[in-house]
Amino acid sequence: MGDFASMNPPVFIFVGHSGSGKTTLIEKLLRELSGMGLRVATIKHAHHKVELDTPGKDSYRYKEAGAVMSILLTRDALQLVADATEQREPEQLAQRFLGETDLVLAEGFSHTPGMKIEVLRRECGKPPRCSIKDGLIAMVTDVAEAHPQLPHFALEGVNGIVEFILQRVAR
């Protein structure tokens, strides 16, 4: 497909409490969107420390020696390790690294600007993380009373969410 590609791919940020189903939903959306021929990238925000490279390995040594970016290329994959800068918001990261994609799905980033879709399950027993003023554009939920003025999608409503995303991208 590739009709949406530009230097700044659109970014949709999926927010919600831990255990709400964000990752599972994004996996399902990825299957649908990529099945349509779109090149979709993901960005995940981790709240805990993660070791991005193995100490002592070549790419780690290059970074330690001063490389601002290091790419590890295998037969089947590519991994990029780059210096973290003050530009850490999903749109900034997409512009810096993901220009060849049609669309970006980000997870987390509830406190950064951008188009947000919140996943909220009644069984989690928590209020929504974001509000409309935070950039919230839709809810994936079984809680009808949460932001009723926004479009609501069922927790398993992948086709409706895909259609919603594609309509937003086409604008």
C-alpha atoms as a PDB file:
ATOM      1  CA  MET A   1       0.000   0.000   0.000  1.00  0.00           C
ATOM      2  CA  GLY A   2       2.389   2.700   1.242  1.00  0.00           C
ATOM      3  CA  ASP A   3       0.095   5.626   0.386  1.00  0.00           C
ATOM      4  CA  PHE A   4       0.615   7.374   3.731  1.00  0.00           C
ATOM      5  CA  ALA A   5       4.432   7.477   3.729  1.00  0.00           C
ATOM      6  CA  SER A   6       5.998  10.832   4.434  1.00  0.00           C
ATOM      7  CA  MET A   7       8.864  12.205   6.454  1.00  0.00           C
ATOM      8  CA  ASN A   8       6.515  12.381   9.458  1.00  0.00           C
ATOM      9  CA  PRO A   9       4.405   9.239   9.793  1.00  0.00           C
ATOM     10  CA  PRO A  10       1.225   9.673  11.866  1.00  0.00           C
ATOM     11  CA  VAL A  11       1.599   8.442  15.449  1.00  0.00           C
ATOM     12  CA  PHE A  12      -1.195   6.957  17.559  1.00  0.00           C
ATOM     13  CA  ILE A  13      -0.369   6.547  21.259  1.00  0.00           C
ATOM     14  CA  PHE A  14      -2.091   3.740  23.154  1.00  0.00           C
ATOM     15  CA  VAL A  15      -2.348   4.473  26.861  1.00  0.00           C
ATOM     16  CA  GLY A  16      -3.855   2.660  29.805  1.00  0.00           C
ATOM     17  CA  HIS A  17      -3.111   1.098  33.133  1.00  0.00           C
ATOM     18  CA  SER A  18      -0.841  -1.922  33.443  1.00  0.00           C
ATOM     19  CA  GLY A  19      -2.747  -5.067  32.535  1.00  0.00           C
ATOM     20  CA  SER A  20      -5.391  -3.255  30.484  1.00  0.00           C
ATOM     21  CA  GLY A  21      -4.440  -5.038  27.252  1.00  0.00           C
ATOM     22  CA  LYS A  22      -2.496  -2.365  25.360  1.00  0.00           C
ATOM     23  CA  THR A  23       0.198  -4.696  24.029  1.00  0.00           C
ATOM     24  CA  THR A  24      -2.307  -7.386  23.000  1.00  0.00           C
ATOM     25  CA  LEU A  25      -4.440  -4.801  21.197  1.00  0.00           C
ATOM     26  CA  ILE A  26      -1.418  -3.341  19.382  1.00  0.00           C
ATOM     27  CA  GLU A  27      -0.402  -6.848  18.269  1.00  0.00           C
ATOM     28  CA  LYS A  28      -3.865  -7.367  16.761  1.00  0.00           C
ATOM     29  CA  LEU A  29      -3.815  -3.939  15.095  1.00  0.00           C
ATOM     30  CA  LEU A  30      -0.368  -4.657  13.656  1.00  0.00           C
ATOM     31  CA  ARG A  31      -1.594  -7.882  12.069  1.00  0.00           C
ATOM     32  CA  GLU A  32      -4.570  -6.108  10.475  1.00  0.00           C
ATOM     33  CA  LEU A  33      -2.740  -2.989   9.310  1.00  0.00           C
ATOM     34  CA  SER A  34       0.315  -4.817   7.963  1.00  0.00           C
ATOM     35  CA  GLY A  35      -2.029  -7.318   6.287  1.00  0.00           C
ATOM     36  CA  MET A  36      -3.426  -4.338   4.364  1.00  0.00           C
ATOM     37  CA  GLY A  37       0.064  -3.568   3.060  1.00  0.00           C
ATOM     38  CA  LEU A  38       0.879  -0.737   5.461  1.00  0.00           C
ATOM     39  CA  ARG A  39       4.365  -0.431   6.929  1.00  0.00           C
ATOM     40  CA  VAL A  40       3.716   0.020  10.631  1.00  0.00           C
ATOM     41  CA  ALA A  41       6.339   0.699  13.309  1.00  0.00           C
ATOM     42  CA  THR A  42       5.983   0.613  17.076  1.00  0.00           C
ATOM     43  CA  ILE A  43       7.507   2.631  19.901  1.00  0.00           C
ATOM     44  CA  LYS A  44       7.208   1.352  23.475  1.00  0.00           C
ATOM     45  CA  HIS A  45       7.896   3.373  26.588  1.00  0.00           C
ATOM     46  CA  ALA A  46       9.367   1.337  29.443  1.00  0.00           C
ATOM     47  CA  HIS A  47       9.147   2.702  32.967  1.00  0.00           C
ATOM     48  CA  HIS A  48      11.886   0.401  34.212  1.00  0.00           C
ATOM     49  CA  LYS A  49      15.569   0.145  33.299  1.00  0.00           C
ATOM     50  CA  VAL A  50      16.211  -2.091  30.288  1.00  0.00           C
ATOM     51  CA  GLU A  51      19.635  -3.212  29.048  1.00  0.00           C
ATOM     52  CA  LEU A  52      19.588  -2.258  25.362  1.00  0.00           C
ATOM     53  CA  ASP A  53      22.922  -3.779  24.460  1.00  0.00           C
ATOM     54  CA  THR A  54      25.129  -6.451  25.999  1.00  0.00           C
ATOM     55  CA  PRO A  55      28.279  -5.133  27.682  1.00  0.00           C
ATOM     56  CA  GLY A  56      31.401  -6.312  25.899  1.00  0.00           C
ATOM     57  CA  LYS A  57      29.723  -6.942  22.518  1.00  0.00           C
ATOM     58  CA  ASP A  58      30.836  -4.941  19.469  1.00  0.00           C
ATOM     59  CA  SER A  59      27.861  -2.573  19.185  1.00  0.00           C
ATOM     60  CA  TYR A  60      28.086  -1.850  22.929  1.00  0.00           C
ATOM     61  CA  ARG A  61      31.807  -1.143  22.571  1.00  0.00           C
ATOM     62  CA  TYR A  62      31.146   1.247  19.680  1.00  0.00           C
ATOM     63  CA  LYS A  63      28.648   3.220  21.765  1.00  0.00           C
ATOM     64  CA  GLU A  64      31.071   3.290  24.690  1.00  0.00           C
ATOM     65  CA  ALA A  65      33.772   4.586  22.342  1.00  0.00           C
ATOM     66  CA  GLY A  66      31.608   7.548  21.300  1.00  0.00           C
ATOM     67  CA  ALA A  67      29.292   6.496  18.458  1.00  0.00           C
ATOM     68  CA  VAL A  68      26.039   8.490  18.625  1.00  0.00           C
ATOM     69  CA  MET A  69      24.263   5.611  16.901  1.00  0.00           C
ATOM     70  CA  SER A  70      25.087   1.952  16.422  1.00  0.00           C
ATOM     71  CA  ILE A  71      23.275  -0.467  14.143  1.00  0.00           C
ATOM     72  CA  LEU A  72      23.528  -4.223  14.507  1.00  0.00           C
ATOM     73  CA  LEU A  73      22.538  -6.001  11.309  1.00  0.00           C
ATOM     74  CA  THR A  74      21.861  -9.731  11.153  1.00  0.00           C
ATOM     75  CA  ARG A  75      20.592 -11.780   8.246  1.00  0.00           C
ATOM     76  CA  ASP A  76      16.978 -11.231   9.324  1.00  0.00           C
ATOM     77  CA  ALA A  77      16.868  -8.101  11.486  1.00  0.00           C
ATOM     78  CA  LEU A  78      18.321  -4.735  12.356  1.00  0.00           C
ATOM     79  CA  GLN A  79      18.680  -3.205  15.808  1.00  0.00           C
ATOM     80  CA  LEU A  80      19.459   0.454  16.382  1.00  0.00           C
ATOM     81  CA  VAL A  81      20.910   1.832  19.583  1.00  0.00           C
ATOM     82  CA  ALA A  82      21.110   5.625  19.659  1.00  0.00           C
ATOM     83  CA  ASP A  83      21.821   8.294  22.228  1.00  0.00           C
ATOM     84  CA  ALA A  84      18.737   9.420  24.081  1.00  0.00           C
ATOM     85  CA  THR A  85      18.236  13.116  23.477  1.00  0.00           C
ATOM     86  CA  GLU A  86      15.754  15.621  24.809  1.00  0.00           C
ATOM     87  CA  GLN A  87      13.569  14.651  21.838  1.00  0.00           C
ATOM     88  CA  ARG A  88      11.836  11.672  23.454  1.00  0.00           C
ATOM     89  CA  GLU A  89       8.202  12.102  22.430  1.00  0.00           C
ATOM     90  CA  PRO A  90       6.730   9.584  19.967  1.00  0.00           C
ATOM     91  CA  GLU A  91       6.298  12.126  17.147  1.00  0.00           C
ATOM     92  CA  GLN A  92       9.900  13.299  17.532  1.00  0.00           C
ATOM     93  CA  LEU A  93      11.200   9.720  17.547  1.00  0.00           C
ATOM     94  CA  ALA A  94       9.104   8.839  14.504  1.00  0.00           C
ATOM     95  CA  GLN A  95      10.473  11.847  12.630  1.00  0.00           C
ATOM     96  CA  ARG A  96      14.067  10.976  13.599  1.00  0.00           C
ATOM     97  CA  PHE A  97      14.040   7.241  12.929  1.00  0.00           C
ATOM     98  CA  LEU A  98      10.869   6.005  11.222  1.00  0.00           C
ATOM     99  CA  GLY A  99      10.467   8.068   8.050  1.00  0.00           C
ATOM    100  CA  GLU A 100      10.049   4.993   5.854  1.00  0.00           C
ATOM    101  CA  THR A 101       6.928   3.837   7.676  1.00  0.00           C
ATOM    102  CA  ASP A 102       3.299   4.627   6.949  1.00  0.00           C
ATOM    103  CA  LEU A 103       2.101   4.673  10.534  1.00  0.00           C
ATOM    104  CA  VAL A 104       3.442   4.398  14.096  1.00  0.00           C
ATOM    105  CA  LEU A 105       1.684   2.791  17.051  1.00  0.00           C
ATOM    106  CA  ALA A 106       3.196   3.860  20.370  1.00  0.00           C
ATOM    107  CA  GLU A 107       2.508   2.348  23.787  1.00  0.00           C
ATOM    108  CA  GLY A 108       2.743   4.302  27.007  1.00  0.00           C
ATOM    109  CA  PHE A 109       3.698   7.977  26.824  1.00  0.00           C
ATOM    110  CA  SER A 110       0.543   9.018  28.678  1.00  0.00           C
ATOM    111  CA  HIS A 111       2.138  12.338  29.700  1.00  0.00           C
ATOM    112  CA  THR A 112       3.370  13.413  26.260  1.00  0.00           C
ATOM    113  CA  PRO A 113       1.418  15.299  23.574  1.00  0.00           C
ATOM    114  CA  GLY A 114      -0.152  13.369  20.721  1.00  0.00           C
ATOM    115  CA  MET A 115      -3.230  11.487  19.565  1.00  0.00           C
ATOM    116  CA  LYS A 116      -4.097   9.025  22.325  1.00  0.00           C
ATOM    117  CA  ILE A 117      -6.385   6.019  22.387  1.00  0.00           C
ATOM    118  CA  GLU A 118      -6.982   4.692  25.890  1.00  0.00           C
ATOM    119  CA  VAL A 119      -7.520   1.032  26.717  1.00  0.00           C
ATOM    120  CA  LEU A 120      -9.614   0.817  29.889  1.00  0.00           C
ATOM    121  CA  ARG A 121     -11.073  -2.363  31.416  1.00  0.00           C
ATOM    122  CA  ARG A 122     -13.722  -2.231  34.105  1.00  0.00           C
ATOM    123  CA  GLU A 123     -12.024  -5.170  35.855  1.00  0.00           C
ATOM    124  CA  CYS A 124      -8.888  -3.031  36.410  1.00  0.00           C
ATOM    125  CA  GLY A 125     -11.003  -0.877  38.742  1.00  0.00           C
ATOM    126  CA  LYS A 126      -9.208   2.356  37.872  1.00  0.00           C
ATOM    127  CA  PRO A 127     -10.275   5.644  36.298  1.00  0.00           C
ATOM    128  CA  PRO A 128      -9.020   6.687  32.853  1.00  0.00           C
ATOM    129  CA  ARG A 129      -5.348   7.749  32.727  1.00  0.00           C
ATOM    130  CA  CYS A 130      -5.920  10.564  30.240  1.00  0.00           C
ATOM    131  CA  SER A 131      -8.446  13.245  29.434  1.00  0.00           C
ATOM    132  CA  ILE A 132      -9.421  15.002  26.232  1.00  0.00           C
ATOM    133  CA  LYS A 133      -7.064  17.878  27.071  1.00  0.00           C
ATOM    134  CA  ASP A 134      -4.230  15.286  27.096  1.00  0.00           C
ATOM    135  CA  GLY A 135      -4.967  14.453  23.439  1.00  0.00           C
ATOM    136  CA  LEU A 136      -7.374  11.579  24.021  1.00  0.00           C
ATOM    137  CA  ILE A 137      -9.285  10.874  20.783  1.00  0.00           C
ATOM    138  CA  ALA A 138     -10.962   7.503  21.481  1.00  0.00           C
ATOM    139  CA  MET A 139     -11.592   4.801  24.071  1.00  0.00           C
ATOM    140  CA  VAL A 140     -11.214   1.041  23.765  1.00  0.00           C
ATOM    141  CA  THR A 141     -13.259   0.000  26.761  1.00  0.00           C
ATOM    142  CA  ASP A 142     -16.117  -1.772  28.451  1.00  0.00           C
ATOM    143  CA  VAL A 143     -16.731   1.335  30.606  1.00  0.00           C
ATOM    144  CA  ALA A 144     -19.480   3.261  28.773  1.00  0.00           C
ATOM    145  CA  GLU A 145     -19.373   6.183  31.211  1.00  0.00           C
ATOM    146  CA  ALA A 146     -15.677   6.938  30.554  1.00  0.00           C
ATOM    147  CA  HIS A 147     -15.475   9.974  28.243  1.00  0.00           C
ATOM    148  CA  PRO A 148     -18.840   9.274  26.570  1.00  0.00           C
ATOM    149  CA  GLN A 149     -18.293  12.184  24.149  1.00  0.00           C
ATOM    150  CA  LEU A 150     -15.457  10.246  22.444  1.00  0.00           C
ATOM    151  CA  PRO A 151     -15.747   7.313  20.044  1.00  0.00           C
ATOM    152  CA  HIS A 152     -15.857   4.034  21.992  1.00  0.00           C
ATOM    153  CA  PHE A 153     -14.674   0.673  20.670  1.00  0.00           C
ATOM    154  CA  ALA A 154     -15.162  -2.762  22.205  1.00  0.00           C
ATOM    155  CA  LEU A 155     -12.082  -4.367  23.720  1.00  0.00           C
ATOM    156  CA  GLU A 156     -12.095  -6.839  20.810  1.00  0.00           C
ATOM    157  CA  GLY A 157     -13.250  -4.283  18.213  1.00  0.00           C
ATOM    158  CA  VAL A 158     -10.088  -4.389  16.112  1.00  0.00           C
ATOM    159  CA  ASN A 159     -11.811  -3.750  12.754  1.00  0.00           C
ATOM    160  CA  GLY A 160     -13.534  -0.615  14.047  1.00  0.00           C
ATOM    161  CA  ILE A 161     -10.284   0.698  15.548  1.00  0.00           C
ATOM    162  CA  VAL A 162      -8.426   0.070  12.274  1.00  0.00           C
ATOM    163  CA  GLU A 163     -11.142   1.942  10.345  1.00  0.00           C
ATOM    164  CA  PHE A 164     -10.969   4.824  12.854  1.00  0.00           C
ATOM    165  CA  ILE A 165      -7.162   5.058  12.541  1.00  0.00           C
ATOM    166  CA  LEU A 166      -7.274   4.972   8.749  1.00  0.00           C
ATOM    167  CA  GLN A 167      -9.931   7.722   8.683  1.00  0.00           C
ATOM    168  CA  ARG A 168      -7.752   9.903  10.960  1.00  0.00           C
ATOM    169  CA  VAL A 169      -4.699   9.303   8.750  1.00  0.00           C
ATOM    170  CA  ALA A 170      -6.628  10.192   5.583  1.00  0.00           C
ATOM    171  CA  ARG A 171      -7.521  13.658   6.956  1.00  0.00           C
END
